[in-house]
Amino acid sequence: MKPRTFSAIGGWQSLMFCVGIYVVSLFFSIFICSSVFYVVNSNGTGSKANNVAKAVAAPKIDKHVLASVTK
């Protein structure tokens, strides 16, 4: 009699490969879509850089200043 240890697993190899690829792509798609969602829907009030920029007051200039480019 021939031993039948791994002959049944060979038929499932392609199916398991497709399931594995599906699970990996599902994980990455959820990660990428949630990242894009948070970037698009960010309102900017919670970021630290915006709070720092709002805290620093712009200097007041009473006279007109002309910009010039020198080489």
PDB file of N, CA and C in Angstrom:
ATOM      1  N   MET A   1       0.829  -1.180   0.000  1.00  0.00           N
ATOM      2  CA  MET A   1       0.000   0.000   0.000  1.00  0.00           C
ATOM      3  C   MET A   1       0.879   1.250   0.000  1.00  0.00           C
ATOM      4  N   LYS A   2       0.400   2.254  -0.730  1.00  0.00           N
ATOM      5  CA  LYS A   2       1.120   3.529  -0.776  1.00  0.00           C
ATOM      6  C   LYS A   2       0.658   4.423   0.369  1.00  0.00           C
ATOM      7  N   PRO A   3       1.598   5.099   1.004  1.00  0.00           N
ATOM      8  CA  PRO A   3       1.178   6.023   2.066  1.00  0.00           C
ATOM      9  C   PRO A   3       0.529   7.272   1.464  1.00  0.00           C
ATOM     10  N   ARG A   4      -0.525   7.728   2.067  1.00  0.00           N
ATOM     11  CA  ARG A   4      -1.251   8.920   1.582  1.00  0.00           C
ATOM     12  C   ARG A   4      -1.130  10.032   2.625  1.00  0.00           C
ATOM     13  N   THR A   5       0.055  10.510   2.789  1.00  0.00           N
ATOM     14  CA  THR A   5       0.231  11.519   3.829  1.00  0.00           C
ATOM     15  C   THR A   5      -0.019  12.928   3.303  1.00  0.00           C
ATOM     16  N   PHE A   6       0.622  13.298   2.198  1.00  0.00           N
ATOM     17  CA  PHE A   6       0.526  14.678   1.723  1.00  0.00           C
ATOM     18  C   PHE A   6      -0.161  14.801   0.365  1.00  0.00           C
ATOM     19  N   SER A   7      -0.725  13.775  -0.152  1.00  0.00           N
ATOM     20  CA  SER A   7      -1.334  13.869  -1.480  1.00  0.00           C
ATOM     21  C   SER A   7      -2.600  14.723  -1.469  1.00  0.00           C
ATOM     22  N   ALA A   8      -3.345  14.734  -0.377  1.00  0.00           N
ATOM     23  CA  ALA A   8      -4.574  15.527  -0.306  1.00  0.00           C
ATOM     24  C   ALA A   8      -4.262  17.015  -0.144  1.00  0.00           C
ATOM     25  N   ILE A   9      -3.123  17.351   0.428  1.00  0.00           N
ATOM     26  CA  ILE A   9      -2.775  18.753   0.637  1.00  0.00           C
ATOM     27  C   ILE A   9      -2.411  19.428  -0.677  1.00  0.00           C
ATOM     28  N   GLY A  10      -1.882  18.708  -1.624  1.00  0.00           N
ATOM     29  CA  GLY A  10      -1.487  19.287  -2.904  1.00  0.00           C
ATOM     30  C   GLY A  10      -2.639  19.915  -3.655  1.00  0.00           C
ATOM     31  N   GLY A  11      -3.823  19.394  -3.521  1.00  0.00           N
ATOM     32  CA  GLY A  11      -4.988  19.955  -4.180  1.00  0.00           C
ATOM     33  C   GLY A  11      -5.452  21.252  -3.553  1.00  0.00           C
ATOM     34  N   TRP A  12      -5.140  21.463  -2.300  1.00  0.00           N
ATOM     35  CA  TRP A  12      -5.552  22.666  -1.588  1.00  0.00           C
ATOM     36  C   TRP A  12      -4.532  23.789  -1.671  1.00  0.00           C
ATOM     37  N   GLN A  13      -3.370  23.517  -2.270  1.00  0.00           N
ATOM     38  CA  GLN A  13      -2.290  24.501  -2.266  1.00  0.00           C
ATOM     39  C   GLN A  13      -2.669  25.786  -3.004  1.00  0.00           C
ATOM     40  N   SER A  14      -3.261  25.662  -4.157  1.00  0.00           N
ATOM     41  CA  SER A  14      -3.632  26.863  -4.916  1.00  0.00           C
ATOM     42  C   SER A  14      -4.747  27.639  -4.213  1.00  0.00           C
ATOM     43  N   LEU A  15      -5.679  26.927  -3.598  1.00  0.00           N
ATOM     44  CA  LEU A  15      -6.754  27.599  -2.866  1.00  0.00           C
ATOM     45  C   LEU A  15      -6.208  28.337  -1.655  1.00  0.00           C
ATOM     46  N   MET A  16      -5.308  27.713  -0.929  1.00  0.00           N
ATOM     47  CA  MET A  16      -4.727  28.368   0.243  1.00  0.00           C
ATOM     48  C   MET A  16      -3.872  29.571  -0.159  1.00  0.00           C
ATOM     49  N   PHE A  17      -3.200  29.489  -1.286  1.00  0.00           N
ATOM     50  CA  PHE A  17      -2.421  30.618  -1.779  1.00  0.00           C
ATOM     51  C   PHE A  17      -3.335  31.795  -2.095  1.00  0.00           C
ATOM     52  N   CYS A  18      -4.445  31.530  -2.770  1.00  0.00           N
ATOM     53  CA  CYS A  18      -5.388  32.605  -3.107  1.00  0.00           C
ATOM     54  C   CYS A  18      -6.015  33.214  -1.851  1.00  0.00           C
ATOM     55  N   VAL A  19      -6.323  32.394  -0.871  1.00  0.00           N
ATOM     56  CA  VAL A  19      -6.887  32.902   0.381  1.00  0.00           C
ATOM     57  C   VAL A  19      -5.845  33.754   1.108  1.00  0.00           C
ATOM     58  N   GLY A  20      -4.604  33.326   1.105  1.00  0.00           N
ATOM     59  CA  GLY A  20      -3.545  34.100   1.744  1.00  0.00           C
ATOM     60  C   GLY A  20      -3.331  35.438   1.074  1.00  0.00           C
ATOM     61  N   ILE A  21      -3.312  35.446  -0.253  1.00  0.00           N
ATOM     62  CA  ILE A  21      -3.164  36.705  -0.992  1.00  0.00           C
ATOM     63  C   ILE A  21      -4.354  37.616  -0.726  1.00  0.00           C
ATOM     64  N   TYR A  22      -5.543  37.039  -0.646  1.00  0.00           N
ATOM     65  CA  TYR A  22      -6.744  37.837  -0.371  1.00  0.00           C
ATOM     66  C   TYR A  22      -6.672  38.478   1.011  1.00  0.00           C
ATOM     67  N   VAL A  23      -6.244  37.739   2.008  1.00  0.00           N
ATOM     68  CA  VAL A  23      -6.167  38.262   3.367  1.00  0.00           C
ATOM     69  C   VAL A  23      -5.117  39.373   3.455  1.00  0.00           C
ATOM     70  N   VAL A  24      -3.963  39.180   2.831  1.00  0.00           N
ATOM     71  CA  VAL A  24      -2.922  40.202   2.852  1.00  0.00           C
ATOM     72  C   VAL A  24      -3.383  41.464   2.126  1.00  0.00           C
ATOM     73  N   SER A  25      -4.013  41.308   0.968  1.00  0.00           N
ATOM     74  CA  SER A  25      -4.486  42.485   0.233  1.00  0.00           C
ATOM     75  C   SER A  25      -5.622  43.182   0.976  1.00  0.00           C
ATOM     76  N   LEU A  26      -6.455  42.429   1.672  1.00  0.00           N
ATOM     77  CA  LEU A  26      -7.522  43.037   2.469  1.00  0.00           C
ATOM     78  C   LEU A  26      -6.939  43.865   3.610  1.00  0.00           C
ATOM     79  N   PHE A  27      -5.920  43.344   4.269  1.00  0.00           N
ATOM     80  CA  PHE A  27      -5.259  44.082   5.353  1.00  0.00           C
ATOM     81  C   PHE A  27      -4.654  45.379   4.835  1.00  0.00           C
ATOM     82  N   PHE A  28      -3.911  45.311   3.725  1.00  0.00           N
ATOM     83  CA  PHE A  28      -3.286  46.515   3.194  1.00  0.00           C
ATOM     84  C   PHE A  28      -4.308  47.502   2.653  1.00  0.00           C
ATOM     85  N   SER A  29      -5.388  47.022   2.052  1.00  0.00           N
ATOM     86  CA  SER A  29      -6.393  47.950   1.536  1.00  0.00           C
ATOM     87  C   SER A  29      -7.101  48.681   2.672  1.00  0.00           C
ATOM     88  N   ILE A  30      -7.362  47.998   3.775  1.00  0.00           N
ATOM     89  CA  ILE A  30      -7.978  48.663   4.926  1.00  0.00           C
ATOM     90  C   ILE A  30      -7.024  49.708   5.491  1.00  0.00           C
ATOM     91  N   PHE A  31      -5.746  49.368   5.583  1.00  0.00           N
ATOM     92  CA  PHE A  31      -4.753  50.306   6.102  1.00  0.00           C
ATOM     93  C   PHE A  31      -4.631  51.531   5.202  1.00  0.00           C
ATOM     94  N   ILE A  32      -4.554  51.328   3.894  1.00  0.00           N
ATOM     95  CA  ILE A  32      -4.383  52.437   2.953  1.00  0.00           C
ATOM     96  C   ILE A  32      -5.639  53.297   2.895  1.00  0.00           C
ATOM     97  N   CYS A  33      -6.810  52.671   2.838  1.00  0.00           N
ATOM     98  CA  CYS A  33      -8.052  53.440   2.764  1.00  0.00           C
ATOM     99  C   CYS A  33      -8.299  54.243   4.037  1.00  0.00           C
ATOM    100  N   SER A  34      -7.981  53.675   5.202  1.00  0.00           N
ATOM    101  CA  SER A  34      -8.170  54.436   6.432  1.00  0.00           C
ATOM    102  C   SER A  34      -7.173  55.595   6.514  1.00  0.00           C
ATOM    103  N   SER A  35      -5.969  55.392   6.014  1.00  0.00           N
ATOM    104  CA  SER A  35      -4.997  56.489   6.001  1.00  0.00           C
ATOM    105  C   SER A  35      -5.461  57.623   5.100  1.00  0.00           C
ATOM    106  N   VAL A  36      -5.948  57.289   3.917  1.00  0.00           N
ATOM    107  CA  VAL A  36      -6.454  58.313   2.991  1.00  0.00           C
ATOM    108  C   VAL A  36      -7.662  59.013   3.599  1.00  0.00           C
ATOM    109  N   PHE A  37      -8.538  58.262   4.249  1.00  0.00           N
ATOM    110  CA  PHE A  37      -9.721  58.844   4.868  1.00  0.00           C
ATOM    111  C   PHE A  37      -9.347  59.857   5.942  1.00  0.00           C
ATOM    112  N   TYR A  38      -8.386  59.514   6.802  1.00  0.00           N
ATOM    113  CA  TYR A  38      -7.989  60.433   7.858  1.00  0.00           C
ATOM    114  C   TYR A  38      -7.270  61.656   7.307  1.00  0.00           C
ATOM    115  N   VAL A  39      -6.547  61.519   6.218  1.00  0.00           N
ATOM    116  CA  VAL A  39      -5.881  62.676   5.623  1.00  0.00           C
ATOM    117  C   VAL A  39      -6.904  63.615   4.994  1.00  0.00           C
ATOM    118  N   VAL A  40      -7.877  63.062   4.296  1.00  0.00           N
ATOM    119  CA  VAL A  40      -8.876  63.892   3.618  1.00  0.00           C
ATOM    120  C   VAL A  40      -9.789  64.579   4.634  1.00  0.00           C
ATOM    121  N   ASN A  41     -10.163  63.904   5.686  1.00  0.00           N
ATOM    122  CA  ASN A  41     -11.113  64.454   6.647  1.00  0.00           C
ATOM    123  C   ASN A  41     -10.457  65.146   7.829  1.00  0.00           C
ATOM    124  N   SER A  42      -9.182  65.421   7.760  1.00  0.00           N
ATOM    125  CA  SER A  42      -8.553  66.136   8.865  1.00  0.00           C
ATOM    126  C   SER A  42      -8.939  67.610   8.780  1.00  0.00           C
ATOM    127  N   ASN A  43      -9.370  68.160   9.905  1.00  0.00           N
ATOM    128  CA  ASN A  43      -9.800  69.552   9.913  1.00  0.00           C
ATOM    129  C   ASN A  43      -8.689  70.485  10.363  1.00  0.00           C
ATOM    130  N   GLY A  44      -7.587  69.958  10.819  1.00  0.00           N
ATOM    131  CA  GLY A  44      -6.449  70.783  11.163  1.00  0.00           C
ATOM    132  C   GLY A  44      -6.476  71.362  12.563  1.00  0.00           C
ATOM    133  N   THR A  45      -7.550  71.189  13.316  1.00  0.00           N
ATOM    134  CA  THR A  45      -7.601  71.766  14.655  1.00  0.00           C
ATOM    135  C   THR A  45      -6.828  70.936  15.658  1.00  0.00           C
ATOM    136  N   GLY A  46      -6.646  69.676  15.402  1.00  0.00           N
ATOM    137  CA  GLY A  46      -5.971  68.836  16.371  1.00  0.00           C
ATOM    138  C   GLY A  46      -4.472  68.731  16.165  1.00  0.00           C
ATOM    139  N   SER A  47      -3.956  69.270  15.089  1.00  0.00           N
ATOM    140  CA  SER A  47      -2.526  69.120  14.849  1.00  0.00           C
ATOM    141  C   SER A  47      -1.732  70.117  15.665  1.00  0.00           C
ATOM    142  N   LYS A  48      -0.578  69.726  16.095  1.00  0.00           N
ATOM    143  CA  LYS A  48       0.253  70.563  16.950  1.00  0.00           C
ATOM    144  C   LYS A  48       0.867  71.717  16.171  1.00  0.00           C
ATOM    145  N   ALA A  49       1.180  71.514  14.910  1.00  0.00           N
ATOM    146  CA  ALA A  49       1.811  72.564  14.109  1.00  0.00           C
ATOM    147  C   ALA A  49       0.872  73.751  13.919  1.00  0.00           C
ATOM    148  N   ASN A  50      -0.402  73.509  13.721  1.00  0.00           N
ATOM    149  CA  ASN A  50      -1.344  74.609  13.549  1.00  0.00           C
ATOM    150  C   ASN A  50      -1.520  75.394  14.837  1.00  0.00           C
ATOM    151  N   ASN A  51      -1.502  74.723  15.982  1.00  0.00           N
ATOM    152  CA  ASN A  51      -1.648  75.434  17.254  1.00  0.00           C
ATOM    153  C   ASN A  51      -0.435  76.305  17.529  1.00  0.00           C
ATOM    154  N   VAL A  52       0.740  75.854  17.171  1.00  0.00           N
ATOM    155  CA  VAL A  52       1.940  76.651  17.370  1.00  0.00           C
ATOM    156  C   VAL A  52       1.919  77.862  16.446  1.00  0.00           C
ATOM    157  N   ALA A  53       1.486  77.662  15.219  1.00  0.00           N
ATOM    158  CA  ALA A  53       1.446  78.770  14.268  1.00  0.00           C
ATOM    159  C   ALA A  53       0.423  79.823  14.697  1.00  0.00           C
ATOM    160  N   LYS A  54      -0.655  79.421  15.307  1.00  0.00           N
ATOM    161  CA  LYS A  54      -1.648  80.380  15.756  1.00  0.00           C
ATOM    162  C   LYS A  54      -1.173  81.137  16.994  1.00  0.00           C
ATOM    163  N   ALA A  55      -0.333  80.528  17.801  1.00  0.00           N
ATOM    164  CA  ALA A  55       0.108  81.161  19.037  1.00  0.00           C
ATOM    165  C   ALA A  55       1.115  82.275  18.774  1.00  0.00           C
ATOM    166  N   VAL A  56       1.888  82.191  17.696  1.00  0.00           N
ATOM    167  CA  VAL A  56       2.891  83.201  17.393  1.00  0.00           C
ATOM    168  C   VAL A  56       2.213  84.340  16.639  1.00  0.00           C
ATOM    169  N   ALA A  57       2.309  85.541  17.184  1.00  0.00           N
ATOM    170  CA  ALA A  57       1.669  86.693  16.563  1.00  0.00           C
ATOM    171  C   ALA A  57       2.577  87.271  15.478  1.00  0.00           C
ATOM    172  N   ALA A  58       1.968  87.744  14.420  1.00  0.00           N
ATOM    173  CA  ALA A  58       2.717  88.370  13.333  1.00  0.00           C
ATOM    174  C   ALA A  58       3.156  89.767  13.778  1.00  0.00           C
ATOM    175  N   PRO A  59       4.353  90.178  13.406  1.00  0.00           N
ATOM    176  CA  PRO A  59       4.812  91.515  13.802  1.00  0.00           C
ATOM    177  C   PRO A  59       4.008  92.598  13.080  1.00  0.00           C
ATOM    178  N   LYS A  60       3.741  93.683  13.795  1.00  0.00           N
ATOM    179  CA  LYS A  60       2.982  94.778  13.207  1.00  0.00           C
ATOM    180  C   LYS A  60       3.950  95.766  12.562  1.00  0.00           C
ATOM    181  N   ILE A  61       3.655  96.090  11.309  1.00  0.00           N
ATOM    182  CA  ILE A  61       4.478  97.041  10.560  1.00  0.00           C
ATOM    183  C   ILE A  61       3.580  98.215  10.191  1.00  0.00           C
ATOM    184  N   ASP A  62       3.954  99.396  10.647  1.00  0.00           N
ATOM    185  CA  ASP A  62       3.113 100.561  10.416  1.00  0.00           C
ATOM    186  C   ASP A  62       3.373 101.220   9.064  1.00  0.00           C
ATOM    187  N   LYS A  63       4.548 101.107   8.538  1.00  0.00           N
ATOM    188  CA  LYS A  63       4.846 101.749   7.263  1.00  0.00           C
ATOM    189  C   LYS A  63       4.893 100.708   6.146  1.00  0.00           C
ATOM    190  N   HIS A  64       4.811 101.194   4.917  1.00  0.00           N
ATOM    191  CA  HIS A  64       4.842 100.301   3.760  1.00  0.00           C
ATOM    192  C   HIS A  64       6.266  99.797   3.534  1.00  0.00           C
ATOM    193  N   VAL A  65       6.363  98.524   3.250  1.00  0.00           N
ATOM    194  CA  VAL A  65       7.666  97.929   2.986  1.00  0.00           C
ATOM    195  C   VAL A  65       7.624  97.330   1.601  1.00  0.00           C
ATOM    196  N   LEU A  66       8.612  97.720   0.773  1.00  0.00           N
ATOM    197  CA  LEU A  66       8.691  97.195  -0.573  1.00  0.00           C
ATOM    198  C   LEU A  66       9.715  96.063  -0.600  1.00  0.00           C
ATOM    199  N   ALA A  67       9.362  95.019  -1.288  1.00  0.00           N
ATOM    200  CA  ALA A  67      10.276  93.893  -1.398  1.00  0.00           C
ATOM    201  C   ALA A  67      11.173  94.105  -2.598  1.00  0.00           C
ATOM    202  N   SER A  68      12.426  93.766  -2.473  1.00  0.00           N
ATOM    203  CA  SER A  68      13.361  93.895  -3.587  1.00  0.00           C
ATOM    204  C   SER A  68      14.199  92.638  -3.669  1.00  0.00           C
ATOM    205  N   VAL A  69      14.606  92.320  -4.866  1.00  0.00           N
ATOM    206  CA  VAL A  69      15.416  91.155  -5.103  1.00  0.00           C
ATOM    207  C   VAL A  69      16.800  91.630  -5.500  1.00  0.00           C
ATOM    208  N   THR A  70      17.800  91.233  -4.751  1.00  0.00           N
ATOM    209  CA  THR A  70      19.172  91.616  -5.068  1.00  0.00           C
ATOM    210  C   THR A  70      19.965  90.372  -5.380  1.00  0.00           C
ATOM    211  N   LYS A  71      20.946  90.553  -6.218  1.00  0.00           N
ATOM    212  CA  LYS A  71      21.797  89.409  -6.594  1.00  0.00           C
ATOM    213  C   LYS A  71      23.141  89.523  -5.975  1.00  0.00           C
TER     214      LYS A  71
END
